[in-house]
Amino acid sequence: MAEVNQAETRAELGFGGIRTVLVVDDSRLQRRILVASLKKWGFDVLEADSGDAAIEVCAQDLPDLVLSDWVMPGMSGLEFCRAFRALESDQYSYFILLTSKSEKQEVARGLDAGADDFLIKPLEADELRARISAGARILDMQRELSEKNRMIETALSELRMAHDAIDKDLMQARKIQESLVPELSREFGRSRVSMLLKPCGHIGGDLVGMFSPGVNRVGFYSIDVSGHGITSAMMTARLGGYLSSQHFDQNVAMERRFDKFFALLPPEDVAETLNSRLMADAGVEEYFTMVYAIVDLRNGHVKMVQAGHPHPLLLRQNGGTEFLGEGGLPIGLLSDVSFERIEIYMEPGDKLLLYSDGFTECSLADGSLLDEDGLRRLATDCVPGRSGTEFLDDMFWRLTQSMAPGKGMDDDVSAVFFEYNGN
């Protein structure tokens, strides 16, 4: 009950969170005077007759406020203040030096030692109460700030744990996404398909792939799902199932014939099937661009469909280059869309490059975009002496070297490189 009354008295006088006061003075009379006033104001009061004794008291129980005489035998109030501030504690205590010194130089020494305020002897009760009240306001603000900092540290710690968990999940998701492209290069007779897949983050929305249901037949594709991050990556996983290189019975680009073998469907039919599946799924807002091609390796006959994807680049053996296609609509935007077939014949030594807009829309050091002309130069510069994944890695390296220093990729970068070398 007495403790409740003391708290009410302190609250009425505006002493906030100050509960315990330590009085340090070698004069017993001075201590008795101070202690009497402090107890009347509702404080729990501790006493010490020297700096050494005060340090022992503080080591056991740090007070909220210290009233210390400056001039004392042995350890002075100034020395005690320095020793007091050197104590390890999460709690801040308010320190008032009692002194007859009023010179500015002496006041500066006290502040340097860690004192918060000064009272000039002889003390007046009203001034002492006002100074303690001022100290209480500072302590209350400091403690409120400390509590908020503690809450922030706790929140940051929880965020770090959540970030680590998400990062771990994303790393695992990247492994799963990489498993959708089990091999980056594969030879089909004398020809070869090579692939590049470089997400701008842990995971991405680009997908490349290839499959062959039998001798002399091969299909390959380059896909770019709208957006970035987890949603796009989930869509690529779904598309990887639709165009599986291992489970032909699930691959929408193939059909079983005579219960003996699988045949590649026309590319435009594959695009329409994928479009119908996406449009039938309510709640799916993502769409994707694609180039899908099938090749008859006996004669170099290429059939492909372009659905909003960048124009494939044909690199002729004689040094000529040509961008193919008219663009087309992305898959998953509109229902009942038809897609046009593109047909070309490749000669032995010709090469076909499918790529995502991570190449052509890459920001260069001068602020411009690589665009199609830049891609053409990039590809032709890499062709001499380069083939397969070495060609694609060289293209990607040259691309990164042309970016602004220290600037990472803004978009996923992917490509499929088909080299036709005859039957």
Protein backbone atom coordinates (compact mmCIF):
# COMPACT_ATOMS: atom_id res chain seq x y z
CA MET A 1 0.00 0.00 0.00
CA ALA A 2 2.86 2.33 0.89
CA GLU A 3 4.51 1.56 -2.42
CA VAL A 4 1.31 2.47 -4.27
CA ASN A 5 1.11 5.76 -2.41
CA GLN A 6 4.75 6.51 -3.25
CA ALA A 7 4.11 5.87 -6.94
CA GLU A 8 1.06 8.16 -6.87
CA THR A 9 3.10 10.90 -5.19
CA ARG A 10 5.86 10.61 -7.80
CA ALA A 11 3.30 10.70 -10.59
CA GLU A 12 1.59 13.80 -9.17
CA LEU A 13 4.95 15.62 -8.95
CA GLY A 14 5.85 14.68 -12.53
CA PHE A 15 8.74 12.34 -11.74
CA GLY A 16 7.70 9.77 -14.36
CA GLY A 17 9.64 6.52 -14.22
CA ILE A 18 12.21 7.60 -11.62
CA ARG A 19 11.77 5.33 -8.60
CA THR A 20 15.19 4.84 -7.01
CA VAL A 21 17.58 7.69 -6.14
CA LEU A 22 21.15 7.31 -4.91
CA VAL A 23 22.52 10.15 -2.75
CA VAL A 24 26.32 10.32 -2.55
CA ASP A 25 27.86 12.80 -0.11
CA ASP A 26 30.50 12.55 2.58
CA SER A 27 28.41 14.93 4.73
CA ARG A 28 25.89 13.02 6.84
CA LEU A 29 23.87 16.20 7.42
CA GLN A 30 23.65 16.99 3.71
CA ARG A 31 22.54 13.43 3.03
CA ARG A 32 19.84 13.60 5.71
CA ILE A 33 18.45 16.82 4.24
CA LEU A 34 18.34 15.39 0.72
CA VAL A 35 16.99 12.03 1.82
CA ALA A 36 14.14 13.66 3.78
CA SER A 37 12.96 15.62 0.74
CA LEU A 38 13.34 12.69 -1.62
CA LYS A 39 11.36 10.30 0.58
CA LYS A 40 8.62 12.90 0.97
CA TRP A 41 8.37 12.98 -2.82
CA GLY A 42 7.88 9.20 -2.93
CA PHE A 43 11.36 7.96 -3.90
CA ASP A 44 13.19 4.88 -2.69
CA VAL A 45 16.49 6.34 -1.49
CA LEU A 46 19.92 4.73 -1.30
CA GLU A 47 22.89 6.37 0.43
CA ALA A 48 26.67 6.29 0.11
CA ASP A 49 29.30 8.39 1.90
CA SER A 50 31.97 8.05 -0.80
CA GLY A 51 32.48 7.38 -4.48
CA ASP A 52 33.91 3.94 -3.76
CA ALA A 53 30.90 2.96 -1.66
CA ALA A 54 28.56 4.35 -4.31
CA ILE A 55 30.15 2.19 -7.03
CA GLU A 56 29.58 -0.91 -4.91
CA VAL A 57 25.91 0.05 -4.47
CA CYS A 58 25.48 0.70 -8.22
CA ALA A 59 27.14 -2.60 -9.16
CA GLN A 60 24.38 -4.43 -7.26
CA ASP A 61 21.38 -2.28 -8.16
CA LEU A 62 21.62 0.59 -10.64
CA PRO A 63 19.50 3.56 -9.48
CA ASP A 64 17.33 5.64 -11.79
CA LEU A 65 18.86 8.90 -10.58
CA VAL A 66 22.14 9.84 -8.88
CA LEU A 67 22.70 12.96 -6.78
CA SER A 68 26.43 13.20 -6.09
CA ASP A 69 28.54 15.81 -4.38
CA TRP A 70 31.52 16.98 -6.46
CA VAL A 71 34.05 17.48 -3.70
CA MET A 72 34.59 14.35 -1.59
CA PRO A 73 37.65 12.73 -0.04
CA GLY A 74 39.12 9.84 -2.01
CA MET A 75 37.15 9.44 -5.22
CA SER A 76 35.68 12.81 -6.22
CA GLY A 77 32.20 13.21 -7.67
CA LEU A 78 33.77 13.75 -11.09
CA GLU A 79 35.76 10.51 -10.87
CA PHE A 80 32.73 8.68 -9.54
CA CYS A 81 30.69 9.94 -12.50
CA ARG A 82 33.25 8.53 -14.96
CA ALA A 83 33.33 5.19 -13.10
CA PHE A 84 29.52 5.15 -12.99
CA ARG A 85 29.25 5.65 -16.76
CA ALA A 86 31.78 2.86 -17.30
CA LEU A 87 29.46 0.31 -15.64
CA GLU A 88 27.93 -2.14 -18.10
CA SER A 89 24.18 -1.76 -18.17
CA ASP A 90 21.31 -1.56 -20.65
CA GLN A 91 19.63 1.01 -18.41
CA TYR A 92 20.43 4.70 -18.58
CA SER A 93 20.49 6.63 -15.30
CA TYR A 94 20.30 10.38 -14.85
CA PHE A 95 23.30 11.94 -13.06
CA ILE A 96 23.21 15.29 -11.25
CA LEU A 97 26.39 16.77 -9.76
CA LEU A 98 26.05 18.90 -6.62
CA THR A 99 28.70 21.59 -6.52
CA SER A 100 29.64 25.06 -5.47
CA LYS A 101 31.53 25.46 -8.76
CA SER A 102 29.72 27.64 -11.25
CA GLU A 103 32.50 28.43 -13.70
CA LYS A 104 31.81 27.39 -17.28
CA GLN A 105 35.08 25.50 -17.48
CA GLU A 106 34.15 23.35 -14.48
CA VAL A 107 30.67 22.72 -15.87
CA ALA A 108 32.25 21.56 -19.14
CA ARG A 109 34.48 19.11 -17.23
CA GLY A 110 31.43 17.66 -15.51
CA LEU A 111 29.56 17.22 -18.79
CA ASP A 112 32.59 15.56 -20.34
CA ALA A 113 32.69 13.13 -17.42
CA GLY A 114 29.09 12.06 -18.12
CA ALA A 115 26.98 14.30 -15.86
CA ASP A 116 23.54 15.29 -17.14
CA ASP A 117 22.90 18.31 -14.92
CA PHE A 118 24.28 20.47 -12.11
CA LEU A 119 22.89 21.96 -8.93
CA ILE A 120 24.70 24.74 -7.14
CA LYS A 121 24.89 24.56 -3.36
CA PRO A 122 23.15 25.51 -1.18
CA LEU A 123 20.25 23.54 -2.65
CA GLU A 124 16.67 24.79 -2.84
CA ALA A 125 13.91 22.19 -2.70
CA ASP A 126 11.88 23.71 -5.56
CA GLU A 127 14.87 23.81 -7.88
CA LEU A 128 15.85 20.23 -6.94
CA ARG A 129 12.32 19.03 -7.66
CA ALA A 130 12.28 20.84 -11.01
CA ARG A 131 15.64 19.38 -12.05
CA ILE A 132 14.53 15.88 -11.10
CA SER A 133 11.31 16.37 -13.05
CA ALA A 134 13.33 17.46 -16.11
CA GLY A 135 15.52 14.38 -15.72
CA ALA A 136 12.41 12.18 -15.48
CA ARG A 137 11.15 13.50 -18.83
CA ILE A 138 14.49 12.70 -20.46
CA LEU A 139 14.58 9.21 -18.93
CA ASP A 140 11.01 8.51 -20.02
CA MET A 141 11.84 9.49 -23.60
CA GLN A 142 15.03 7.45 -23.51
CA ARG A 143 13.25 4.38 -22.19
CA GLU A 144 10.45 4.76 -24.72
CA LEU A 145 13.07 4.97 -27.46
CA SER A 146 14.88 1.93 -26.07
CA GLU A 147 11.65 -0.06 -26.01
CA LYS A 148 10.88 0.92 -29.59
CA ASN A 149 14.42 -0.03 -30.61
CA ARG A 150 13.97 -3.36 -28.86
CA MET A 151 10.72 -3.92 -30.74
CA ILE A 152 12.44 -2.98 -34.01
CA GLU A 153 15.32 -5.38 -33.28
CA THR A 154 12.82 -8.14 -32.54
CA ALA A 155 10.94 -7.40 -35.76
CA LEU A 156 14.20 -7.30 -37.74
CA SER A 157 15.24 -10.60 -36.23
CA GLU A 158 11.93 -12.16 -37.23
CA LEU A 159 12.25 -10.64 -40.71
CA ARG A 160 15.77 -12.05 -41.04
CA MET A 161 14.51 -15.49 -40.09
CA ALA A 162 11.65 -15.17 -42.58
CA HIS A 163 14.06 -13.92 -45.25
CA ASP A 164 16.42 -16.83 -44.61
CA ALA A 165 13.51 -19.27 -44.88
CA ILE A 166 12.30 -17.65 -48.12
CA ASP A 167 15.85 -17.59 -49.48
CA LYS A 168 16.21 -21.28 -48.70
CA ASP A 169 12.90 -22.04 -50.40
CA LEU A 170 13.92 -19.99 -53.44
CA MET A 171 17.22 -21.83 -53.69
CA GLN A 172 15.32 -25.11 -53.68
CA ALA A 173 12.85 -23.69 -56.21
CA ARG A 174 15.79 -22.79 -58.44
CA LYS A 175 17.03 -26.38 -58.32
CA ILE A 176 13.55 -27.57 -59.27
CA GLN A 177 13.40 -25.05 -62.12
CA GLU A 178 16.85 -26.09 -63.34
CA SER A 179 15.62 -29.69 -63.39
CA LEU A 180 13.15 -28.64 -66.10
CA VAL A 181 16.20 -28.24 -68.36
CA PRO A 182 18.11 -31.46 -67.59
CA GLU A 183 20.65 -31.00 -70.40
CA LEU A 184 21.90 -27.79 -72.01
CA SER A 185 23.21 -29.41 -75.17
CA ARG A 186 22.35 -32.48 -77.16
CA GLU A 187 23.40 -33.84 -80.52
CA PHE A 188 20.87 -35.21 -82.98
CA GLY A 189 22.91 -36.99 -85.62
CA ARG A 190 25.24 -34.38 -87.03
CA SER A 191 23.08 -31.47 -85.78
CA ARG A 192 22.94 -30.02 -82.30
CA VAL A 193 20.60 -28.06 -80.02
CA SER A 194 22.13 -25.95 -77.24
CA MET A 195 20.39 -23.85 -74.60
CA LEU A 196 21.05 -20.93 -72.25
CA LEU A 197 18.95 -20.06 -69.19
CA LYS A 198 20.02 -17.17 -66.92
CA PRO A 199 17.34 -15.91 -64.48
CA CYS A 200 17.85 -12.38 -63.16
CA GLY A 201 17.00 -13.59 -59.62
CA HIS A 202 16.89 -16.91 -57.81
CA ILE A 203 14.15 -18.04 -60.16
CA GLY A 204 12.77 -16.66 -63.38
CA GLY A 205 10.00 -16.75 -65.95
CA ASP A 206 12.00 -17.95 -68.96
CA LEU A 207 11.98 -21.56 -70.09
CA VAL A 208 13.81 -23.39 -72.87
CA GLY A 209 13.60 -27.01 -73.87
CA MET A 210 13.98 -29.67 -76.54
CA PHE A 211 12.71 -33.16 -77.25
CA SER A 212 12.94 -35.78 -79.93
CA PRO A 213 10.39 -38.59 -80.36
CA GLY A 214 12.60 -40.43 -82.84
CA VAL A 215 15.39 -40.35 -85.39
CA ASN A 216 15.53 -37.26 -87.64
CA ARG A 217 12.82 -35.42 -85.69
CA VAL A 218 13.47 -32.76 -83.08
CA GLY A 219 11.46 -29.99 -81.45
CA PHE A 220 12.73 -27.07 -79.39
CA TYR A 221 11.22 -23.95 -77.86
CA SER A 222 11.92 -20.64 -76.13
CA ILE A 223 9.29 -19.31 -73.70
CA ASP A 224 9.03 -16.08 -71.68
CA VAL A 225 6.26 -15.87 -69.05
CA SER A 226 4.91 -12.43 -68.17
CA GLY A 227 6.17 -10.87 -64.95
CA HIS A 228 8.96 -12.08 -62.70
CA GLY A 229 9.51 -14.10 -59.57
CA ILE A 230 7.57 -16.92 -57.99
CA THR A 231 4.34 -16.64 -60.01
CA SER A 232 6.21 -16.71 -63.32
CA ALA A 233 8.41 -19.56 -62.13
CA MET A 234 5.34 -21.60 -61.18
CA MET A 235 4.00 -21.07 -64.69
CA THR A 236 7.28 -22.26 -66.23
CA ALA A 237 7.04 -25.43 -64.11
CA ARG A 238 3.57 -26.02 -65.46
CA LEU A 239 4.68 -25.42 -69.05
CA GLY A 240 7.65 -27.71 -68.51
CA GLY A 241 5.13 -30.48 -67.80
CA TYR A 242 3.11 -29.65 -70.92
CA LEU A 243 6.28 -29.87 -73.04
CA SER A 244 8.07 -32.64 -71.20
CA SER A 245 11.21 -34.07 -72.77
CA GLN A 246 10.88 -37.30 -70.75
CA HIS A 247 7.15 -38.09 -70.56
CA PHE A 248 5.93 -38.03 -74.14
CA ASP A 249 2.43 -39.15 -73.19
CA GLN A 250 2.03 -35.86 -71.27
CA ASN A 251 3.64 -33.68 -73.94
CA VAL A 252 0.97 -31.66 -75.79
CA ALA A 253 3.35 -31.26 -78.75
CA MET A 254 3.21 -34.99 -79.52
CA GLU A 255 0.65 -37.67 -80.26
CA ARG A 256 0.95 -41.44 -80.22
CA ARG A 257 0.35 -43.15 -83.53
CA PHE A 258 -0.52 -46.79 -84.13
CA ASP A 259 0.44 -47.49 -80.49
CA LYS A 260 4.02 -47.70 -81.72
CA PHE A 261 5.63 -44.29 -81.85
CA PHE A 262 5.13 -40.59 -81.12
CA ALA A 263 4.85 -37.93 -83.80
CA LEU A 264 5.43 -34.18 -83.51
CA LEU A 265 2.27 -32.12 -84.00
CA PRO A 266 2.29 -28.97 -86.15
CA PRO A 267 3.65 -26.01 -84.13
CA GLU A 268 0.54 -23.87 -84.71
CA ASP A 269 -1.64 -26.64 -83.24
CA VAL A 270 0.60 -26.81 -80.18
CA ALA A 271 0.27 -23.05 -79.67
CA GLU A 272 -3.53 -23.24 -79.95
CA THR A 273 -3.66 -26.14 -77.46
CA LEU A 274 -1.56 -24.22 -74.92
CA ASN A 275 -3.69 -21.11 -75.43
CA SER A 276 -6.91 -23.09 -74.84
CA ARG A 277 -5.54 -24.61 -71.64
CA LEU A 278 -4.49 -21.24 -70.22
CA MET A 279 -7.77 -19.53 -71.14
CA ALA A 280 -9.74 -22.36 -69.51
CA ASP A 281 -8.03 -21.79 -66.15
CA ALA A 282 -9.97 -19.20 -64.15
CA GLY A 283 -7.85 -16.89 -62.04
CA VAL A 284 -4.68 -17.30 -64.11
CA GLU A 285 -3.65 -13.83 -65.29
CA GLU A 286 -0.22 -14.74 -66.64
CA TYR A 287 0.46 -15.13 -70.34
CA PHE A 288 3.61 -16.06 -72.19
CA THR A 289 5.40 -15.56 -75.48
CA MET A 290 6.89 -18.46 -77.36
CA VAL A 291 8.74 -19.64 -80.42
CA TYR A 292 8.35 -23.36 -80.99
CA ALA A 293 10.06 -25.12 -83.92
CA ILE A 294 10.23 -28.66 -85.26
CA VAL A 295 12.87 -29.81 -87.72
CA ASP A 296 13.10 -32.66 -90.16
CA LEU A 297 16.81 -33.40 -89.95
CA ARG A 298 16.78 -35.29 -93.27
CA ASN A 299 16.22 -32.16 -95.33
CA GLY A 300 16.49 -29.17 -92.97
CA HIS A 301 12.77 -28.40 -93.20
CA VAL A 302 11.82 -26.17 -90.25
CA LYS A 303 8.25 -25.47 -89.19
CA MET A 304 7.75 -23.01 -86.37
CA VAL A 305 5.25 -20.73 -84.70
CA GLN A 306 5.95 -17.29 -83.24
CA ALA A 307 3.57 -16.21 -80.48
CA GLY A 308 4.59 -12.70 -79.42
CA HIS A 309 8.19 -13.78 -78.93
CA PRO A 310 11.20 -11.94 -80.40
CA HIS A 311 11.91 -12.76 -84.05
CA PRO A 312 14.14 -15.85 -84.47
CA LEU A 313 17.48 -15.08 -86.09
CA LEU A 314 18.63 -17.27 -88.99
CA LEU A 315 22.40 -17.29 -89.50
CA ARG A 316 23.28 -18.61 -92.95
CA GLN A 317 26.52 -20.39 -93.64
CA ASN A 318 27.39 -17.78 -96.29
CA GLY A 319 27.27 -15.00 -93.66
CA GLY A 320 23.77 -13.77 -94.39
CA THR A 321 21.34 -13.13 -91.54
CA GLU A 322 17.55 -12.89 -91.43
CA PHE A 323 14.95 -12.25 -88.73
CA LEU A 324 11.92 -14.52 -89.17
CA GLY A 325 8.23 -14.17 -88.42
CA GLU A 326 5.61 -11.45 -88.11
CA GLY A 327 5.29 -11.41 -84.31
CA GLY A 328 1.96 -12.97 -83.50
CA LEU A 329 -0.07 -12.80 -80.30
CA PRO A 330 1.15 -14.09 -76.90
CA ILE A 331 -0.43 -17.24 -75.54
CA GLY A 332 -3.03 -16.83 -72.81
CA LEU A 333 -4.26 -13.32 -73.71
CA LEU A 334 -7.28 -14.03 -75.94
CA SER A 335 -9.43 -17.09 -76.58
CA ASP A 336 -10.04 -18.58 -80.01
CA VAL A 337 -6.78 -17.28 -81.43
CA SER A 338 -5.17 -18.87 -84.46
CA PHE A 339 -1.43 -18.96 -85.00
CA GLU A 340 0.42 -18.92 -88.29
CA ARG A 341 3.08 -21.39 -89.31
CA ILE A 342 6.50 -20.22 -90.48
CA GLU A 343 8.41 -22.55 -92.80
CA ILE A 344 12.02 -22.38 -93.93
CA TYR A 345 14.66 -24.75 -95.23
CA MET A 346 18.07 -24.75 -93.61
CA GLU A 347 21.21 -25.75 -95.45
CA PRO A 348 24.08 -27.62 -93.77
CA GLY A 349 26.08 -25.10 -91.77
CA ASP A 350 23.07 -22.80 -91.13
CA LYS A 351 22.17 -21.86 -87.56
CA LEU A 352 18.92 -20.75 -85.92
CA LEU A 353 18.82 -18.66 -82.75
CA LEU A 354 15.73 -18.36 -80.54
CA TYR A 355 16.07 -15.87 -77.68
CA SER A 356 14.06 -13.97 -75.06
CA ASP A 357 13.70 -10.19 -74.90
CA GLY A 358 16.19 -10.24 -72.03
CA PHE A 359 18.71 -9.90 -74.87
CA THR A 360 17.13 -7.24 -77.07
CA GLU A 361 15.74 -5.13 -74.20
CA CYS A 362 18.95 -5.20 -72.18
CA SER A 363 20.04 -1.71 -71.06
CA LEU A 364 23.54 -0.90 -72.24
CA ALA A 365 26.12 1.34 -70.60
CA ASP A 366 25.11 4.32 -72.78
CA GLY A 367 21.45 4.00 -71.76
CA SER A 368 20.26 2.50 -75.05
CA LEU A 369 18.81 -0.98 -75.62
CA LEU A 370 20.62 -3.75 -77.46
CA ASP A 371 17.67 -4.18 -79.92
CA GLU A 372 17.65 -6.51 -82.93
CA ASP A 373 20.54 -4.86 -84.75
CA GLY A 374 22.68 -5.17 -81.63
CA LEU A 375 21.70 -8.82 -81.28
CA ARG A 376 22.63 -9.46 -84.90
CA ARG A 377 26.08 -7.95 -84.33
CA LEU A 378 26.45 -9.86 -81.08
CA ALA A 379 25.61 -13.17 -82.78
CA THR A 380 27.78 -12.64 -85.85
CA ASP A 381 30.73 -11.59 -83.68
CA CYS A 382 30.41 -14.85 -81.74
CA VAL A 383 29.93 -17.22 -84.68
CA PRO A 384 33.55 -17.60 -85.89
CA GLY A 385 35.11 -20.47 -83.98
CA ARG A 386 32.18 -20.77 -81.55
CA SER A 387 29.52 -23.47 -81.44
CA GLY A 388 27.04 -25.05 -79.05
CA THR A 389 26.95 -23.82 -75.47
CA GLU A 390 30.30 -22.09 -76.04
CA PHE A 391 28.58 -19.78 -78.55
CA LEU A 392 25.73 -18.99 -76.14
CA ASP A 393 28.07 -18.44 -73.18
CA ASP A 394 30.15 -16.07 -75.30
CA MET A 395 27.01 -14.15 -76.31
CA PHE A 396 25.92 -13.84 -72.70
CA TRP A 397 29.40 -12.75 -71.58
CA ARG A 398 29.52 -10.05 -74.27
CA LEU A 399 26.05 -8.92 -73.24
CA THR A 400 27.03 -8.50 -69.58
CA GLN A 401 30.20 -6.64 -70.59
CA SER A 402 28.13 -4.10 -72.50
CA MET A 403 25.96 -3.28 -69.47
CA ALA A 404 26.62 -0.33 -67.18
CA PRO A 405 29.28 -1.22 -64.57
CA GLY A 406 27.77 -2.68 -61.41
CA LYS A 407 24.31 -2.98 -62.95
CA GLY A 408 22.69 -6.38 -62.84
CA MET A 409 20.23 -7.91 -65.29
CA ASP A 410 16.74 -6.39 -65.36
CA ASP A 411 15.20 -9.45 -66.98
CA ASP A 412 15.80 -13.14 -67.46
CA VAL A 413 18.01 -14.06 -70.40
CA SER A 414 17.53 -17.29 -72.33
CA ALA A 415 18.22 -18.72 -75.78
CA VAL A 416 18.11 -21.86 -77.92
CA PHE A 417 20.76 -22.37 -80.61
CA PHE A 418 20.14 -24.94 -83.34
CA GLU A 419 23.01 -25.91 -85.62
CA TYR A 420 22.02 -27.86 -88.72
CA ASN A 421 24.72 -29.93 -90.33
CA GLY A 422 22.77 -32.08 -92.76
CA ASN A 423 21.41 -35.61 -92.66
